[in-house]
Amino acid sequence: MAERRETRGHKKISGDAYQALRSALALSYWFKPSLEKHLRASLRDHPEILSGIDFKAAKRDVADIVVDRLIDGELRYQDLTVSLMVEFANKESFTEIERHEDSDKWLPLAKGAIAELKRHTVFYEDSLRDRERLAESERTQYQDRTAAQIRFSDELAALKARFIEMTQMEDPHGRGFKFEQFLNDLFHLFDLSPRLGYSLETEQIDGAFTFDTDNYIVEAKWTREPVSAQQAAAFASKVDFKGRNALGLIVSVNGLTAAARRKYEVSSPFITIDGSDLFFIFEGHGSPAELLRRKKRNVDETGNCYFPAAQIIG
């Protein structure tokens, strides 16, 4: 097992382990080009380690240069060195040496060097496998996150396309129904757990959801004209008759009239989202949750129902 010393909090590979690596590199192959190919493959991410080495020189000299460079750069190359040690320690094929006329002499030396290196690397093999498993887990998690982000982007783009298609509809009632479903899908995408429109004995609710402990009821409007003061007052009365934590959200593509905004600029039981706010979401500037929090804070601080997303960007 490779003993390890601690220097300034950094655990170092022992000199004996480095010496075992020298011998393994020098004795594992008979032909110099074979050693060169193996090293270039194993160290391909760090070509500087092999820079300037004359592979026509004796294998022992090549091994000494490589190991000396690994020692000099141990803080940078320790993981690489461990991988190289484990790789050679598990070498089982010695075809070149077995075919040599003096194989009876050189094969025991090669196998002995590998066995000695193996003795120094037993400690590292479990650690290396743990790191590889962790790296694989991190790669899998990254791939899953990337795939989820792509799916999310695709779904948001599809919602934007649906919204644009609805702008071409001439049937206001059909568009209104599709708009309610669109908002439900949009809120679902951002995990707001919405509820589709429902009817009570005396009123129709276009939708509802819970966010940050507040219960929102939704009024969805896609009409030619902005929501009037009278329409806003009718919705405000719906909200007032709900529970203490109930808030209203008017989603009106064409916004509110100036009169409606003036009526609810100092005290309002609802907040508003208009077409420009929706494009704030479509273009990736923010989420419905971000919009709701900012608009809710504004109505709490000022009483004003109106707070455009453009102010968040600005």
C-alpha atoms as a PDB file:
ATOM      1  CA  MET A   1       0.000   0.000   0.000  1.00  0.00           C
ATOM      2  CA  ALA A   2       1.310   3.431  -0.882  1.00  0.00           C
ATOM      3  CA  GLU A   3       2.185   5.348   2.253  1.00  0.00           C
ATOM      4  CA  ARG A   4       1.194   9.001   2.070  1.00  0.00           C
ATOM      5  CA  ARG A   5       2.686  11.967   3.813  1.00  0.00           C
ATOM      6  CA  GLU A   6       0.837  15.158   4.616  1.00  0.00           C
ATOM      7  CA  THR A   7       2.488  18.440   3.699  1.00  0.00           C
ATOM      8  CA  ARG A   8       0.599  21.699   4.331  1.00  0.00           C
ATOM      9  CA  GLY A   9      -2.650  19.788   4.362  1.00  0.00           C
ATOM     10  CA  HIS A  10      -1.958  18.123   0.961  1.00  0.00           C
ATOM     11  CA  LYS A  11      -1.455  14.321   1.050  1.00  0.00           C
ATOM     12  CA  LYS A  12       1.494  13.313  -1.087  1.00  0.00           C
ATOM     13  CA  ILE A  13       2.269  10.069  -2.906  1.00  0.00           C
ATOM     14  CA  SER A  14       5.219   8.288  -1.296  1.00  0.00           C
ATOM     15  CA  GLY A  15       8.649   8.090  -2.875  1.00  0.00           C
ATOM     16  CA  ASP A  16       8.442   4.290  -2.907  1.00  0.00           C
ATOM     17  CA  ALA A  17       5.244   4.452  -4.937  1.00  0.00           C
ATOM     18  CA  TYR A  18       6.887   6.775  -7.462  1.00  0.00           C
ATOM     19  CA  GLN A  19       9.879   4.425  -7.660  1.00  0.00           C
ATOM     20  CA  ALA A  20       7.581   1.481  -8.324  1.00  0.00           C
ATOM     21  CA  LEU A  21       5.974   3.456 -11.149  1.00  0.00           C
ATOM     22  CA  ARG A  22       9.399   4.113 -12.687  1.00  0.00           C
ATOM     23  CA  SER A  23      10.164   0.408 -12.789  1.00  0.00           C
ATOM     24  CA  ALA A  24       6.745  -0.525 -14.133  1.00  0.00           C
ATOM     25  CA  LEU A  25       7.028   2.002 -16.978  1.00  0.00           C
ATOM     26  CA  ALA A  26      10.527   0.839 -17.881  1.00  0.00           C
ATOM     27  CA  LEU A  27       9.873  -2.917 -17.766  1.00  0.00           C
ATOM     28  CA  SER A  28       6.257  -3.374 -18.962  1.00  0.00           C
ATOM     29  CA  TYR A  29       7.074  -3.130 -22.689  1.00  0.00           C
ATOM     30  CA  TRP A  30       9.957  -4.444 -24.724  1.00  0.00           C
ATOM     31  CA  PHE A  31       9.631  -2.066 -27.652  1.00  0.00           C
ATOM     32  CA  LYS A  32      10.050   1.679 -27.075  1.00  0.00           C
ATOM     33  CA  PRO A  33       7.259   2.734 -29.500  1.00  0.00           C
ATOM     34  CA  SER A  34       4.774   0.616 -27.521  1.00  0.00           C
ATOM     35  CA  LEU A  35       5.647   2.491 -24.315  1.00  0.00           C
ATOM     36  CA  GLU A  36       5.396   5.799 -26.171  1.00  0.00           C
ATOM     37  CA  LYS A  37       1.935   4.964 -27.543  1.00  0.00           C
ATOM     38  CA  HIS A  38       0.688   3.929 -24.104  1.00  0.00           C
ATOM     39  CA  LEU A  39       1.970   7.087 -22.450  1.00  0.00           C
ATOM     40  CA  ARG A  40       0.612   9.375 -25.144  1.00  0.00           C
ATOM     41  CA  ALA A  41      -2.819   7.782 -24.778  1.00  0.00           C
ATOM     42  CA  SER A  42      -2.808   7.878 -20.971  1.00  0.00           C
ATOM     43  CA  LEU A  43      -1.454  11.429 -20.752  1.00  0.00           C
ATOM     44  CA  ARG A  44      -3.243  12.887 -23.794  1.00  0.00           C
ATOM     45  CA  ASP A  45      -4.965  15.562 -21.696  1.00  0.00           C
ATOM     46  CA  HIS A  46      -1.564  16.772 -20.451  1.00  0.00           C
ATOM     47  CA  PRO A  47       0.787  16.657 -23.454  1.00  0.00           C
ATOM     48  CA  GLU A  48       3.190  18.977 -21.645  1.00  0.00           C
ATOM     49  CA  ILE A  49       4.373  16.028 -19.534  1.00  0.00           C
ATOM     50  CA  LEU A  50       5.783  14.325 -22.634  1.00  0.00           C
ATOM     51  CA  SER A  51       6.987  17.481 -24.342  1.00  0.00           C
ATOM     52  CA  GLY A  52      10.571  17.204 -25.644  1.00  0.00           C
ATOM     53  CA  ILE A  53      11.099  13.590 -24.515  1.00  0.00           C
ATOM     54  CA  ASP A  54      13.319  11.519 -26.841  1.00  0.00           C
ATOM     55  CA  PHE A  55      11.502   8.186 -26.975  1.00  0.00           C
ATOM     56  CA  LYS A  56      14.493   6.671 -28.778  1.00  0.00           C
ATOM     57  CA  ALA A  57      16.368   6.903 -25.500  1.00  0.00           C
ATOM     58  CA  ALA A  58      16.413   4.033 -23.024  1.00  0.00           C
ATOM     59  CA  LYS A  59      13.012   3.193 -21.547  1.00  0.00           C
ATOM     60  CA  ARG A  60      14.407   3.730 -18.055  1.00  0.00           C
ATOM     61  CA  ASP A  61      15.459   7.280 -19.023  1.00  0.00           C
ATOM     62  CA  VAL A  62      12.003   7.990 -20.475  1.00  0.00           C
ATOM     63  CA  ALA A  63      10.356   6.649 -17.309  1.00  0.00           C
ATOM     64  CA  ASP A  64      12.598   8.797 -15.116  1.00  0.00           C
ATOM     65  CA  ILE A  65      11.688  11.991 -17.012  1.00  0.00           C
ATOM     66  CA  VAL A  66       7.959  11.251 -16.901  1.00  0.00           C
ATOM     67  CA  VAL A  67       7.919  10.409 -13.195  1.00  0.00           C
ATOM     68  CA  ASP A  68      10.157  13.385 -12.305  1.00  0.00           C
ATOM     69  CA  ARG A  69       7.692  15.702 -14.062  1.00  0.00           C
ATOM     70  CA  LEU A  70       4.777  14.103 -12.225  1.00  0.00           C
ATOM     71  CA  ILE A  71       6.589  14.615  -8.918  1.00  0.00           C
ATOM     72  CA  ASP A  72       7.455  18.238  -9.696  1.00  0.00           C
ATOM     73  CA  GLY A  73       3.798  18.944 -10.557  1.00  0.00           C
ATOM     74  CA  GLU A  74       2.195  16.761  -7.910  1.00  0.00           C
ATOM     75  CA  LEU A  75      -0.293  19.378  -6.744  1.00  0.00           C
ATOM     76  CA  ARG A  76      -1.608  19.492 -10.312  1.00  0.00           C
ATOM     77  CA  TYR A  77      -1.005  15.914 -11.428  1.00  0.00           C
ATOM     78  CA  GLN A  78      -1.757  13.781  -8.369  1.00  0.00           C
ATOM     79  CA  ASP A  79      -5.060  12.384  -9.691  1.00  0.00           C
ATOM     80  CA  LEU A  80      -3.439  11.751 -13.079  1.00  0.00           C
ATOM     81  CA  THR A  81      -0.505   9.972 -11.427  1.00  0.00           C
ATOM     82  CA  VAL A  82      -2.821   7.772  -9.377  1.00  0.00           C
ATOM     83  CA  SER A  83      -4.771   6.837 -12.516  1.00  0.00           C
ATOM     84  CA  LEU A  84      -1.536   5.984 -14.335  1.00  0.00           C
ATOM     85  CA  MET A  85      -0.306   3.905 -11.393  1.00  0.00           C
ATOM     86  CA  VAL A  86      -3.576   1.970 -11.148  1.00  0.00           C
ATOM     87  CA  GLU A  87      -3.644   1.491 -14.926  1.00  0.00           C
ATOM     88  CA  PHE A  88      -0.148  -0.071 -15.032  1.00  0.00           C
ATOM     89  CA  ALA A  89      -0.688  -1.988 -11.786  1.00  0.00           C
ATOM     90  CA  ASN A  90      -3.556  -3.845 -13.466  1.00  0.00           C
ATOM     91  CA  LYS A  91      -1.598  -4.674 -16.610  1.00  0.00           C
ATOM     92  CA  GLU A  92      -1.896  -8.387 -17.398  1.00  0.00           C
ATOM     93  CA  SER A  93      -0.626  -8.673 -20.961  1.00  0.00           C
ATOM     94  CA  PHE A  94       3.124  -8.888 -21.690  1.00  0.00           C
ATOM     95  CA  THR A  95       2.952 -10.206 -25.261  1.00  0.00           C
ATOM     96  CA  GLU A  96       6.087  -8.423 -26.484  1.00  0.00           C
ATOM     97  CA  ILE A  97       8.212  -9.754 -23.652  1.00  0.00           C
ATOM     98  CA  GLU A  98       6.743 -13.259 -23.857  1.00  0.00           C
ATOM     99  CA  ARG A  99       7.807 -13.459 -27.515  1.00  0.00           C
ATOM    100  CA  HIS A 100      11.349 -12.305 -26.778  1.00  0.00           C
ATOM    101  CA  GLU A 101      14.100 -14.901 -26.848  1.00  0.00           C
ATOM    102  CA  ASP A 102      15.128 -13.880 -23.320  1.00  0.00           C
ATOM    103  CA  SER A 103      11.579 -13.962 -21.954  1.00  0.00           C
ATOM    104  CA  ASP A 104      12.664 -16.265 -19.121  1.00  0.00           C
ATOM    105  CA  LYS A 105      14.810 -13.404 -17.841  1.00  0.00           C
ATOM    106  CA  TRP A 106      12.663 -10.347 -18.596  1.00  0.00           C
ATOM    107  CA  LEU A 107       9.130 -11.614 -17.971  1.00  0.00           C
ATOM    108  CA  PRO A 108       9.655 -12.203 -14.214  1.00  0.00           C
ATOM    109  CA  LEU A 109      11.176  -8.731 -13.959  1.00  0.00           C
ATOM    110  CA  ALA A 110       8.177  -7.154 -15.684  1.00  0.00           C
ATOM    111  CA  LYS A 111       5.653  -9.053 -13.592  1.00  0.00           C
ATOM    112  CA  GLY A 112       7.612  -8.303 -10.441  1.00  0.00           C
ATOM    113  CA  ALA A 113       7.592  -4.560 -11.217  1.00  0.00           C
ATOM    114  CA  ILE A 114       3.845  -4.652 -11.782  1.00  0.00           C
ATOM    115  CA  ALA A 115       3.285  -6.619  -8.568  1.00  0.00           C
ATOM    116  CA  GLU A 116       5.347  -4.094  -6.610  1.00  0.00           C
ATOM    117  CA  LEU A 117       3.376  -1.202  -8.118  1.00  0.00           C
ATOM    118  CA  LYS A 118       0.155  -3.063  -7.310  1.00  0.00           C
ATOM    119  CA  ARG A 119       1.235  -3.265  -3.671  1.00  0.00           C
ATOM    120  CA  HIS A 120       1.551   0.510  -3.601  1.00  0.00           C
ATOM    121  CA  THR A 121      -1.731   1.242  -5.352  1.00  0.00           C
ATOM    122  CA  VAL A 122      -4.210  -0.993  -3.511  1.00  0.00           C
ATOM    123  CA  PHE A 123      -5.086   1.986  -1.326  1.00  0.00           C
ATOM    124  CA  TYR A 124      -5.933   4.125  -4.338  1.00  0.00           C
ATOM    125  CA  GLU A 125      -8.114   1.740  -6.334  1.00  0.00           C
ATOM    126  CA  ASP A 126     -11.211   2.066  -4.138  1.00  0.00           C
ATOM    127  CA  SER A 127     -10.707   5.810  -3.956  1.00  0.00           C
ATOM    128  CA  LEU A 128     -10.332   6.028  -7.728  1.00  0.00           C
ATOM    129  CA  ARG A 129     -13.482   3.957  -8.271  1.00  0.00           C
ATOM    130  CA  ASP A 130     -15.355   6.197  -5.821  1.00  0.00           C
ATOM    131  CA  ARG A 131     -14.237   9.284  -7.770  1.00  0.00           C
ATOM    132  CA  GLU A 132     -15.249   7.662 -11.048  1.00  0.00           C
ATOM    133  CA  ARG A 133     -18.679   6.785  -9.630  1.00  0.00           C
ATOM    134  CA  LEU A 134     -19.054  10.330  -8.341  1.00  0.00           C
ATOM    135  CA  ALA A 135     -17.994  11.754 -11.705  1.00  0.00           C
ATOM    136  CA  GLU A 136     -20.472   9.483 -13.487  1.00  0.00           C
ATOM    137  CA  SER A 137     -23.232  10.516 -11.065  1.00  0.00           C
ATOM    138  CA  GLU A 138     -22.409  14.181 -11.656  1.00  0.00           C
ATOM    139  CA  ARG A 139     -22.418  13.618 -15.431  1.00  0.00           C
ATOM    140  CA  THR A 140     -25.794  11.903 -15.203  1.00  0.00           C
ATOM    141  CA  GLN A 141     -27.222  14.701 -13.068  1.00  0.00           C
ATOM    142  CA  TYR A 142     -25.849  17.292 -15.488  1.00  0.00           C
ATOM    143  CA  GLN A 143     -27.363  15.440 -18.448  1.00  0.00           C
ATOM    144  CA  ASP A 144     -30.698  15.184 -16.642  1.00  0.00           C
ATOM    145  CA  ARG A 145     -30.644  18.905 -15.815  1.00  0.00           C
ATOM    146  CA  THR A 146     -29.712  19.761 -19.391  1.00  0.00           C
ATOM    147  CA  ALA A 147     -32.496  17.563 -20.776  1.00  0.00           C
ATOM    148  CA  ALA A 148     -34.986  19.133 -18.346  1.00  0.00           C
ATOM    149  CA  GLN A 149     -33.884  22.633 -19.379  1.00  0.00           C
ATOM    150  CA  ILE A 150     -34.297  21.731 -23.052  1.00  0.00           C
ATOM    151  CA  ARG A 151     -37.768  20.300 -22.407  1.00  0.00           C
ATOM    152  CA  PHE A 152     -38.698  23.413 -20.433  1.00  0.00           C
ATOM    153  CA  SER A 153     -37.454  25.725 -23.195  1.00  0.00           C
ATOM    154  CA  ASP A 154     -39.319  23.717 -25.810  1.00  0.00           C
ATOM    155  CA  GLU A 155     -42.559  23.820 -23.794  1.00  0.00           C
ATOM    156  CA  LEU A 156     -42.228  27.559 -23.194  1.00  0.00           C
ATOM    157  CA  ALA A 157     -41.586  28.133 -26.906  1.00  0.00           C
ATOM    158  CA  ALA A 158     -44.674  26.056 -27.709  1.00  0.00           C
ATOM    159  CA  LEU A 159     -46.751  28.180 -25.321  1.00  0.00           C
ATOM    160  CA  LYS A 160     -45.476  31.346 -26.962  1.00  0.00           C
ATOM    161  CA  ALA A 161     -46.432  29.927 -30.377  1.00  0.00           C
ATOM    162  CA  ARG A 162     -49.923  29.102 -29.053  1.00  0.00           C
ATOM    163  CA  PHE A 163     -50.293  32.638 -27.746  1.00  0.00           C
ATOM    164  CA  ILE A 164     -49.297  34.125 -31.104  1.00  0.00           C
ATOM    165  CA  GLU A 165     -51.734  31.797 -32.889  1.00  0.00           C
ATOM    166  CA  MET A 166     -54.527  33.038 -30.628  1.00  0.00           C
ATOM    167  CA  THR A 167     -53.891  36.605 -31.762  1.00  0.00           C
ATOM    168  CA  GLN A 168     -55.209  35.515 -35.192  1.00  0.00           C
ATOM    169  CA  MET A 169     -58.503  34.164 -33.847  1.00  0.00           C
ATOM    170  CA  GLU A 170     -61.625  36.128 -34.732  1.00  0.00           C
ATOM    171  CA  ASP A 171     -64.002  34.327 -32.365  1.00  0.00           C
ATOM    172  CA  PRO A 172     -63.673  36.148 -28.995  1.00  0.00           C
ATOM    173  CA  HIS A 173     -65.513  33.433 -27.050  1.00  0.00           C
ATOM    174  CA  GLY A 174     -63.413  30.625 -28.498  1.00  0.00           C
ATOM    175  CA  ARG A 175     -60.264  32.620 -27.863  1.00  0.00           C
ATOM    176  CA  GLY A 176     -61.337  33.334 -24.282  1.00  0.00           C
ATOM    177  CA  PHE A 177     -61.816  29.622 -23.598  1.00  0.00           C
ATOM    178  CA  LYS A 178     -58.432  28.774 -25.140  1.00  0.00           C
ATOM    179  CA  PHE A 179     -56.804  31.612 -23.196  1.00  0.00           C
ATOM    180  CA  GLU A 180     -57.979  30.131 -19.881  1.00  0.00           C
ATOM    181  CA  GLN A 181     -56.497  26.755 -20.865  1.00  0.00           C
ATOM    182  CA  PHE A 182     -53.307  28.498 -22.010  1.00  0.00           C
ATOM    183  CA  LEU A 183     -52.892  30.216 -18.625  1.00  0.00           C
ATOM    184  CA  ASN A 184     -53.495  26.923 -16.842  1.00  0.00           C
ATOM    185  CA  ASP A 185     -50.728  25.276 -18.900  1.00  0.00           C
ATOM    186  CA  LEU A 186     -48.392  28.229 -18.367  1.00  0.00           C
ATOM    187  CA  PHE A 187     -48.861  28.120 -14.600  1.00  0.00           C
ATOM    188  CA  HIS A 188     -48.402  24.339 -14.636  1.00  0.00           C
ATOM    189  CA  LEU A 189     -45.096  24.725 -16.464  1.00  0.00           C
ATOM    190  CA  PHE A 190     -43.842  26.937 -13.643  1.00  0.00           C
ATOM    191  CA  ASP A 191     -45.172  24.611 -10.906  1.00  0.00           C
ATOM    192  CA  LEU A 192     -47.889  26.947  -9.624  1.00  0.00           C
ATOM    193  CA  SER A 193     -50.414  24.058  -9.389  1.00  0.00           C
ATOM    194  CA  PRO A 194     -53.329  25.965 -10.941  1.00  0.00           C
ATOM    195  CA  ARG A 195     -56.974  24.982 -10.910  1.00  0.00           C
ATOM    196  CA  LEU A 196     -59.040  25.328 -14.036  1.00  0.00           C
ATOM    197  CA  GLY A 197     -62.061  27.618 -14.155  1.00  0.00           C
ATOM    198  CA  TYR A 198     -65.058  26.636 -12.065  1.00  0.00           C
ATOM    199  CA  SER A 199     -68.554  27.890 -11.343  1.00  0.00           C
ATOM    200  CA  LEU A 200     -70.079  28.857  -8.020  1.00  0.00           C
ATOM    201  CA  GLU A 201     -73.757  29.454  -7.435  1.00  0.00           C
ATOM    202  CA  THR A 202     -73.563  33.149  -8.179  1.00  0.00           C
ATOM    203  CA  GLU A 203     -70.304  33.603 -10.088  1.00  0.00           C
ATOM    204  CA  GLN A 204     -67.823  32.176 -12.560  1.00  0.00           C
ATOM    205  CA  ILE A 205     -64.144  31.884 -11.628  1.00  0.00           C
ATOM    206  CA  ASP A 206     -61.700  31.620 -14.539  1.00  0.00           C
ATOM    207  CA  GLY A 207     -59.033  29.859 -12.486  1.00  0.00           C
ATOM    208  CA  ALA A 208     -57.185  29.717  -9.165  1.00  0.00           C
ATOM    209  CA  PHE A 209     -53.842  28.757  -7.654  1.00  0.00           C
ATOM    210  CA  THR A 210     -51.881  29.029  -4.411  1.00  0.00           C
ATOM    211  CA  PHE A 211     -48.527  30.800  -4.289  1.00  0.00           C
ATOM    212  CA  ASP A 212     -46.399  31.833  -1.290  1.00  0.00           C
ATOM    213  CA  THR A 213     -49.278  30.951   1.112  1.00  0.00           C
ATOM    214  CA  ASP A 214     -51.659  33.278  -0.756  1.00  0.00           C
ATOM    215  CA  ASN A 215     -54.696  31.978  -2.628  1.00  0.00           C
ATOM    216  CA  TYR A 216     -55.201  33.688  -5.963  1.00  0.00           C
ATOM    217  CA  ILE A 217     -58.368  33.733  -8.041  1.00  0.00           C
ATOM    218  CA  VAL A 218     -57.865  34.550 -11.710  1.00  0.00           C
ATOM    219  CA  GLU A 219     -59.808  36.681 -14.126  1.00  0.00           C
ATOM    220  CA  ALA A 220     -58.693  35.962 -17.704  1.00  0.00           C
ATOM    221  CA  LYS A 221     -59.533  38.649 -20.267  1.00  0.00           C
ATOM    222  CA  TRP A 222     -58.676  38.795 -23.946  1.00  0.00           C
ATOM    223  CA  THR A 223     -61.013  41.404 -25.271  1.00  0.00           C
ATOM    224  CA  ARG A 224     -60.576  44.104 -27.883  1.00  0.00           C
ATOM    225  CA  GLU A 225     -60.741  46.845 -25.235  1.00  0.00           C
ATOM    226  CA  PRO A 226     -58.815  47.017 -21.952  1.00  0.00           C
ATOM    227  CA  VAL A 227     -60.590  46.003 -18.762  1.00  0.00           C
ATOM    228  CA  SER A 228     -62.815  48.872 -17.643  1.00  0.00           C
ATOM    229  CA  ALA A 229     -63.167  50.311 -14.155  1.00  0.00           C
ATOM    230  CA  GLN A 230     -66.602  48.695 -13.897  1.00  0.00           C
ATOM    231  CA  GLN A 231     -65.224  45.251 -14.852  1.00  0.00           C
ATOM    232  CA  ALA A 232     -62.327  45.661 -12.437  1.00  0.00           C
ATOM    233  CA  ALA A 233     -64.767  46.599  -9.642  1.00  0.00           C
ATOM    234  CA  ALA A 234     -66.862  43.493 -10.340  1.00  0.00           C
ATOM    235  CA  PHE A 235     -63.795  41.310 -10.002  1.00  0.00           C
ATOM    236  CA  ALA A 236     -62.628  43.167  -6.884  1.00  0.00           C
ATOM    237  CA  SER A 237     -65.945  42.334  -5.230  1.00  0.00           C
ATOM    238  CA  LYS A 238     -65.370  38.645  -5.979  1.00  0.00           C
ATOM    239  CA  VAL A 239     -61.993  38.809  -4.257  1.00  0.00           C
ATOM    240  CA  ASP A 240     -63.367  40.720  -1.257  1.00  0.00           C
ATOM    241  CA  PHE A 241     -65.854  37.934  -0.555  1.00  0.00           C
ATOM    242  CA  LYS A 242     -63.123  35.260  -0.419  1.00  0.00           C
ATOM    243  CA  GLY A 243     -60.904  34.335   2.542  1.00  0.00           C
ATOM    244  CA  ARG A 244     -58.419  36.572   4.305  1.00  0.00           C
ATOM    245  CA  ASN A 245     -55.464  35.286   2.272  1.00  0.00           C
ATOM    246  CA  ALA A 246     -57.289  35.614  -1.039  1.00  0.00           C
ATOM    247  CA  LEU A 247     -55.841  37.868  -3.727  1.00  0.00           C
ATOM    248  CA  GLY A 248     -56.979  38.552  -7.249  1.00  0.00           C
ATOM    249  CA  LEU A 249     -55.047  38.360 -10.496  1.00  0.00           C
ATOM    250  CA  ILE A 250     -56.445  39.960 -13.617  1.00  0.00           C
ATOM    251  CA  VAL A 251     -54.667  38.605 -16.676  1.00  0.00           C
ATOM    252  CA  SER A 252     -55.760  40.972 -19.417  1.00  0.00           C
ATOM    253  CA  VAL A 253     -53.825  40.855 -22.679  1.00  0.00           C
ATOM    254  CA  ASN A 254     -54.791  44.467 -23.409  1.00  0.00           C
ATOM    255  CA  GLY A 255     -54.385  45.659 -19.845  1.00  0.00           C
ATOM    256  CA  LEU A 256     -56.687  48.003 -17.912  1.00  0.00           C
ATOM    257  CA  THR A 257     -58.124  51.345 -18.916  1.00  0.00           C
ATOM    258  CA  ALA A 258     -56.589  54.449 -17.414  1.00  0.00           C
ATOM    259  CA  ALA A 259     -59.752  54.910 -15.340  1.00  0.00           C
ATOM    260  CA  ALA A 260     -59.477  51.387 -13.912  1.00  0.00           C
ATOM    261  CA  ARG A 261     -55.820  51.877 -13.051  1.00  0.00           C
ATOM    262  CA  ARG A 262     -56.586  55.195 -11.320  1.00  0.00           C
ATOM    263  CA  LYS A 263     -59.400  53.578  -9.326  1.00  0.00           C
ATOM    264  CA  TYR A 264     -57.004  50.903  -7.975  1.00  0.00           C
ATOM    265  CA  GLU A 265     -53.769  52.846  -7.673  1.00  0.00           C
ATOM    266  CA  VAL A 266     -53.878  53.408  -3.898  1.00  0.00           C
ATOM    267  CA  SER A 267     -55.785  50.353  -2.677  1.00  0.00           C
ATOM    268  CA  SER A 268     -56.391  47.135  -4.576  1.00  0.00           C
ATOM    269  CA  PRO A 269     -57.335  43.528  -3.747  1.00  0.00           C
ATOM    270  CA  PHE A 270     -55.805  42.357  -7.032  1.00  0.00           C
ATOM    271  CA  ILE A 271     -52.721  42.643  -9.202  1.00  0.00           C
ATOM    272  CA  THR A 272     -52.545  42.602 -12.991  1.00  0.00           C
ATOM    273  CA  ILE A 273     -50.655  40.885 -15.790  1.00  0.00           C
ATOM    274  CA  ASP A 274     -50.913  42.111 -19.375  1.00  0.00           C
ATOM    275  CA  GLY A 275     -49.548  41.071 -22.763  1.00  0.00           C
ATOM    276  CA  SER A 276     -46.172  42.744 -22.265  1.00  0.00           C
ATOM    277  CA  ASP A 277     -45.795  40.874 -18.958  1.00  0.00           C
ATOM    278  CA  LEU A 278     -46.462  37.590 -20.758  1.00  0.00           C
ATOM    279  CA  PHE A 279     -43.706  38.353 -23.257  1.00  0.00           C
ATOM    280  CA  PHE A 280     -41.415  39.085 -20.304  1.00  0.00           C
ATOM    281  CA  ILE A 281     -41.951  35.400 -19.451  1.00  0.00           C
ATOM    282  CA  PHE A 282     -41.780  34.135 -23.045  1.00  0.00           C
ATOM    283  CA  GLU A 283     -38.437  35.842 -23.641  1.00  0.00           C
ATOM    284  CA  GLY A 284     -36.907  34.272 -20.527  1.00  0.00           C
ATOM    285  CA  HIS A 285     -36.515  37.492 -18.532  1.00  0.00           C
ATOM    286  CA  GLY A 286     -38.309  36.001 -15.548  1.00  0.00           C
ATOM    287  CA  SER A 287     -40.904  33.529 -14.336  1.00  0.00           C
ATOM    288  CA  PRO A 288     -44.529  34.010 -13.305  1.00  0.00           C
ATOM    289  CA  ALA A 289     -43.351  33.472  -9.725  1.00  0.00           C
ATOM    290  CA  GLU A 290     -40.910  36.377 -10.008  1.00  0.00           C
ATOM    291  CA  LEU A 291     -43.607  38.566 -11.532  1.00  0.00           C
ATOM    292  CA  LEU A 292     -46.143  37.655  -8.865  1.00  0.00           C
ATOM    293  CA  ARG A 293     -43.732  38.350  -6.007  1.00  0.00           C
ATOM    294  CA  ARG A 294     -42.701  41.718  -7.427  1.00  0.00           C
ATOM    295  CA  LYS A 295     -46.270  42.768  -8.208  1.00  0.00           C
ATOM    296  CA  LYS A 296     -47.497  41.541  -4.812  1.00  0.00           C
ATOM    297  CA  ARG A 297     -44.774  43.533  -3.067  1.00  0.00           C
ATOM    298  CA  ASN A 298     -45.738  46.612  -5.043  1.00  0.00           C
ATOM    299  CA  VAL A 299     -49.433  46.360  -4.154  1.00  0.00           C
ATOM    300  CA  ASP A 300     -48.527  45.739  -0.481  1.00  0.00           C
ATOM    301  CA  GLU A 301     -46.232  48.789  -0.393  1.00  0.00           C
ATOM    302  CA  THR A 302     -48.182  51.230  -2.554  1.00  0.00           C
ATOM    303  CA  GLY A 303     -51.685  49.815  -2.968  1.00  0.00           C
ATOM    304  CA  ASN A 304     -51.271  50.112  -6.756  1.00  0.00           C
ATOM    305  CA  CYS A 305     -52.566  47.142  -8.765  1.00  0.00           C
ATOM    306  CA  TYR A 306     -50.308  47.999 -11.697  1.00  0.00           C
ATOM    307  CA  PHE A 307     -46.599  47.182 -11.865  1.00  0.00           C
ATOM    308  CA  PRO A 308     -45.238  46.426 -15.371  1.00  0.00           C
ATOM    309  CA  ALA A 309     -42.540  43.831 -15.928  1.00  0.00           C
ATOM    310  CA  ALA A 310     -40.558  46.455 -17.846  1.00  0.00           C
ATOM    311  CA  GLN A 311     -39.675  48.036 -14.496  1.00  0.00           C
ATOM    312  CA  ILE A 312     -38.080  44.750 -13.410  1.00  0.00           C
ATOM    313  CA  ILE A 313     -35.935  44.614 -16.535  1.00  0.00           C
ATOM    314  CA  GLY A 314     -35.045  48.257 -16.206  1.00  0.00           C
END
